Amino acid sequence: MPDGLFLTVEGIDGAGKSTQAAMLAQHLRTKGREVVLTREPGGSPGGEAIRRLLVEADGGDWSATTELLLFTAARRDHVEKIIRPALERGQVVISDRYIDSTRAYQGKGDLAAEIEELHARLIGLDPVRTLIYDLSPEDARARADRRAAGAASREDRFERRGVAFQGGLRSAFHEIAAAEPARVRLIDASGTAGQVFARTCAALEDLIGG
């Protein structure tokens, strides 16, 4: 295992995971840790190029298999260029989305086995701890709408699939949390950012202290 600490944050669109990831990174830096805050798809130059294909509103109408291959290619570049080197330097890596998003978004039906095979063969790196921020699709949509009102973004391809789609994702994330309780913590994402961050720290206390 690398010397650093690999953490990931997950959740449906609008659950607040990006805010929590940024707060966690700042908290750890005040404790003297070197932190790399990154995201998927993206993180590396190659990954960011693929991100533009995948998440912008005018992105391609990809099949589920094509999406899986694109996400895997982006992740491979991300791990090679950003995550593994940082871990080998002893840094904390916090990734805003990782393999569990692929499992939730592309893992329904016939692709679940392919996801695990590609991850094992081409990625081969799992986080020590994953925090899944849990919020109802309706509340998450309201948050996303407030965010969109404050800043223009073209990265709404998945959000435009609607509340029912987000509800399916929430169920998938719950299944992931139930299947891997040693790695995954399900975090109640309701309330203020500060209240949620207190839950974040509690879920990581065994790894980072108070």
Protein backbone atom coordinates (compact mmCIF):
# COMPACT_ATOMS: atom_id res chain seq x y z
CA MET A 1 0.00 0.00 0.00
CA PRO A 2 1.20 3.55 -0.64
CA ASP A 3 2.34 5.59 2.35
CA GLY A 4 -0.35 8.24 1.99
CA LEU A 5 -4.05 8.19 2.76
CA PHE A 6 -6.62 7.85 -0.03
CA LEU A 7 -10.13 9.15 0.71
CA THR A 8 -13.08 9.50 -1.64
CA VAL A 9 -16.38 11.36 -1.39
CA GLU A 10 -19.55 10.30 -3.22
CA GLY A 11 -23.22 11.11 -3.48
CA ILE A 12 -25.96 12.15 -5.85
CA ASP A 13 -25.72 15.49 -7.65
CA GLY A 14 -26.39 18.33 -5.22
CA ALA A 15 -25.72 16.36 -2.03
CA GLY A 16 -22.88 18.69 -1.04
CA LYS A 17 -19.93 16.31 -1.38
CA SER A 18 -17.72 18.86 -3.17
CA THR A 19 -18.25 21.38 -0.36
CA GLN A 20 -17.39 18.75 2.23
CA ALA A 21 -14.30 17.64 0.30
CA ALA A 22 -13.01 21.21 0.24
CA MET A 23 -13.72 21.68 3.95
CA LEU A 24 -11.97 18.41 4.76
CA ALA A 25 -8.92 19.36 2.73
CA GLN A 26 -8.62 22.68 4.54
CA HIS A 27 -9.12 21.01 7.93
CA LEU A 28 -6.33 18.51 7.26
CA ARG A 29 -3.98 21.24 6.05
CA THR A 30 -4.47 23.11 9.33
CA LYS A 31 -3.41 19.88 11.05
CA GLY A 32 -0.16 19.90 9.06
CA ARG A 33 -1.03 17.32 6.42
CA GLU A 34 -0.18 17.75 2.75
CA VAL A 35 -3.41 17.30 0.82
CA VAL A 36 -4.23 16.78 -2.85
CA LEU A 37 -7.88 17.63 -3.57
CA THR A 38 -8.91 16.25 -6.92
CA ARG A 39 -12.00 15.12 -8.81
CA GLU A 40 -13.43 12.64 -11.28
CA PRO A 41 -13.86 12.55 -14.09
CA GLY A 42 -10.85 14.81 -14.40
CA GLY A 43 -8.01 15.56 -12.04
CA SER A 44 -5.29 15.12 -14.66
CA PRO A 45 -5.04 16.89 -18.04
CA GLY A 46 -6.14 13.76 -19.88
CA GLY A 47 -8.96 13.19 -17.42
CA GLU A 48 -10.19 16.76 -17.76
CA ALA A 49 -10.32 16.38 -21.54
CA ILE A 50 -12.51 13.31 -21.16
CA ARG A 51 -14.61 15.10 -18.52
CA ARG A 52 -15.63 17.68 -21.09
CA LEU A 53 -16.94 14.89 -23.30
CA LEU A 54 -18.87 13.23 -20.48
CA VAL A 55 -20.51 15.87 -18.32
CA GLU A 56 -21.17 18.97 -20.41
CA ALA A 57 -24.73 19.55 -21.54
CA ASP A 58 -23.84 19.15 -25.22
CA GLY A 59 -21.76 16.02 -24.65
CA GLY A 60 -22.31 12.93 -26.77
CA ASP A 61 -25.28 10.62 -26.39
CA TRP A 62 -23.04 7.82 -25.14
CA SER A 63 -24.18 4.27 -24.57
CA ALA A 64 -23.60 2.88 -21.06
CA THR A 65 -20.68 0.78 -22.31
CA THR A 66 -19.04 3.76 -24.02
CA GLU A 67 -19.48 5.86 -20.87
CA LEU A 68 -17.84 3.10 -18.83
CA LEU A 69 -14.82 2.94 -21.14
CA LEU A 70 -14.43 6.72 -21.13
CA PHE A 71 -14.68 6.93 -17.34
CA THR A 72 -12.14 4.11 -16.98
CA ALA A 73 -9.71 5.81 -19.36
CA ALA A 74 -10.02 9.05 -17.41
CA ARG A 75 -9.50 7.21 -14.11
CA ARG A 76 -6.44 5.36 -15.38
CA ASP A 77 -4.79 8.66 -16.33
CA HIS A 78 -5.86 10.22 -13.04
CA VAL A 79 -4.38 7.40 -10.97
CA GLU A 80 -1.13 7.31 -12.97
CA LYS A 81 -0.54 11.06 -13.05
CA ILE A 82 -2.04 12.35 -9.78
CA ILE A 83 -3.22 9.83 -7.19
CA ARG A 84 -0.42 7.24 -6.99
CA PRO A 85 2.41 9.81 -7.07
CA ALA A 86 0.76 11.80 -4.26
CA LEU A 87 0.24 8.70 -2.13
CA GLU A 88 3.85 7.65 -2.67
CA ARG A 89 4.89 11.10 -1.38
CA GLY A 90 2.90 10.39 1.79
CA GLN A 91 0.15 12.91 1.03
CA VAL A 92 -3.57 12.69 1.69
CA VAL A 93 -5.58 12.39 -1.52
CA ILE A 94 -9.25 13.38 -1.45
CA SER A 95 -11.05 12.55 -4.67
CA ASP A 96 -14.46 14.01 -5.42
CA ARG A 97 -15.94 10.85 -7.00
CA TYR A 98 -14.11 7.63 -7.90
CA ILE A 99 -15.03 3.99 -8.63
CA ASP A 100 -18.25 4.03 -6.58
CA SER A 101 -19.73 6.67 -8.88
CA THR A 102 -19.07 4.34 -11.79
CA ARG A 103 -20.78 1.53 -9.91
CA ALA A 104 -23.79 3.72 -9.18
CA TYR A 105 -24.12 5.49 -12.54
CA GLN A 106 -23.12 2.72 -14.97
CA GLY A 107 -23.44 -0.41 -12.83
CA LYS A 108 -27.03 -1.38 -13.46
CA GLY A 109 -27.86 -4.37 -15.64
CA ASP A 110 -25.18 -6.22 -17.53
CA LEU A 111 -22.23 -3.88 -16.85
CA ALA A 112 -21.60 -4.61 -13.15
CA ALA A 113 -19.16 -7.45 -13.88
CA GLU A 114 -17.34 -5.40 -16.53
CA ILE A 115 -16.92 -2.51 -14.10
CA GLU A 116 -15.23 -4.75 -11.54
CA GLU A 117 -13.06 -6.46 -14.15
CA LEU A 118 -11.84 -3.15 -15.61
CA HIS A 119 -11.21 -1.76 -12.14
CA ALA A 120 -9.18 -4.81 -11.11
CA ARG A 121 -7.17 -5.04 -14.33
CA LEU A 122 -6.59 -1.38 -15.21
CA ILE A 123 -6.92 0.63 -11.97
CA GLY A 124 -6.10 -1.62 -9.02
CA LEU A 125 -6.32 1.06 -6.34
CA ASP A 126 -9.09 1.38 -3.74
CA PRO A 127 -9.65 4.16 -1.20
CA VAL A 128 -9.10 3.48 2.47
CA ARG A 129 -12.35 5.28 3.33
CA THR A 130 -15.30 6.42 1.23
CA LEU A 131 -17.86 8.92 2.49
CA ILE A 132 -21.23 8.82 0.74
CA TYR A 133 -23.30 11.95 1.37
CA ASP A 134 -26.94 10.98 1.55
CA LEU A 135 -29.74 13.41 0.70
CA SER A 136 -33.17 13.07 -0.86
CA PRO A 137 -33.24 13.78 -4.60
CA GLU A 138 -35.73 16.61 -4.02
CA ASP A 139 -33.49 18.38 -1.50
CA ALA A 140 -30.43 17.76 -3.66
CA ARG A 141 -32.21 19.25 -6.68
CA ALA A 142 -33.09 22.36 -4.68
CA ARG A 143 -29.44 22.76 -3.71
CA ALA A 144 -28.33 22.26 -7.30
CA ASP A 145 -30.83 24.85 -8.50
CA ARG A 146 -29.51 27.39 -5.99
CA ARG A 147 -25.97 26.65 -7.11
CA ALA A 148 -26.92 27.03 -10.78
CA ALA A 149 -28.55 30.39 -10.07
CA GLY A 150 -25.28 31.68 -8.68
CA ALA A 151 -22.91 30.47 -11.39
CA ALA A 152 -23.34 29.35 -14.98
CA SER A 153 -22.22 25.81 -15.75
CA ARG A 154 -22.44 23.50 -18.73
CA GLU A 155 -21.77 20.43 -16.56
CA ASP A 156 -25.36 19.38 -16.03
CA ARG A 157 -25.72 16.39 -18.35
CA PHE A 158 -26.45 13.93 -15.55
CA GLU A 159 -28.44 16.37 -13.41
CA ARG A 160 -30.84 16.94 -16.35
CA ARG A 161 -31.90 13.28 -16.15
CA GLY A 162 -34.24 14.25 -13.32
CA VAL A 163 -35.29 13.33 -9.81
CA ALA A 164 -36.20 9.73 -10.63
CA PHE A 165 -32.73 9.10 -12.03
CA GLN A 166 -31.17 10.63 -8.91
CA GLY A 167 -33.39 8.43 -6.76
CA GLY A 168 -32.00 5.37 -8.51
CA LEU A 169 -28.48 6.62 -7.86
CA ARG A 170 -29.27 7.13 -4.19
CA SER A 171 -30.48 3.54 -3.92
CA ALA A 172 -27.31 2.33 -5.64
CA PHE A 173 -25.12 4.27 -3.20
CA HIS A 174 -27.05 2.77 -0.27
CA GLU A 175 -26.37 -0.69 -1.67
CA ILE A 176 -22.65 0.08 -1.93
CA ALA A 177 -22.56 1.29 1.68
CA ALA A 178 -24.35 -1.82 2.91
CA ALA A 179 -22.03 -4.13 0.97
CA GLU A 180 -18.77 -2.59 2.27
CA PRO A 181 -19.28 -1.29 5.82
CA ALA A 182 -15.57 -1.48 6.64
CA ARG A 183 -14.70 1.01 3.91
CA VAL A 184 -17.84 3.07 3.36
CA ARG A 185 -19.61 5.49 5.67
CA LEU A 186 -23.05 6.86 4.82
CA ILE A 187 -23.27 10.50 5.94
CA ASP A 188 -26.54 12.35 6.55
CA ALA A 189 -26.11 15.37 4.26
CA SER A 190 -29.08 17.38 5.57
CA GLY A 191 -28.56 20.54 7.58
CA THR A 192 -25.89 23.22 7.36
CA ALA A 193 -22.45 22.64 5.88
CA GLY A 194 -21.00 22.90 9.39
CA GLN A 195 -23.36 20.26 10.76
CA VAL A 196 -22.52 17.90 7.92
CA PHE A 197 -18.81 18.52 8.39
CA ALA A 198 -19.06 17.47 12.03
CA ARG A 199 -20.45 14.15 10.77
CA THR A 200 -17.62 13.97 8.23
CA CYS A 201 -14.98 14.32 10.94
CA ALA A 202 -16.71 11.73 13.12
CA ALA A 203 -16.67 9.26 10.22
CA LEU A 204 -12.92 9.76 9.81
CA GLU A 205 -11.87 9.99 13.45
CA ASP A 206 -10.15 6.61 13.41
CA LEU A 207 -7.99 7.72 10.47
CA ILE A 208 -7.29 11.42 11.08
CA GLY A 209 -8.12 12.03 14.74
CA GLY A 210 -10.35 14.86 15.92
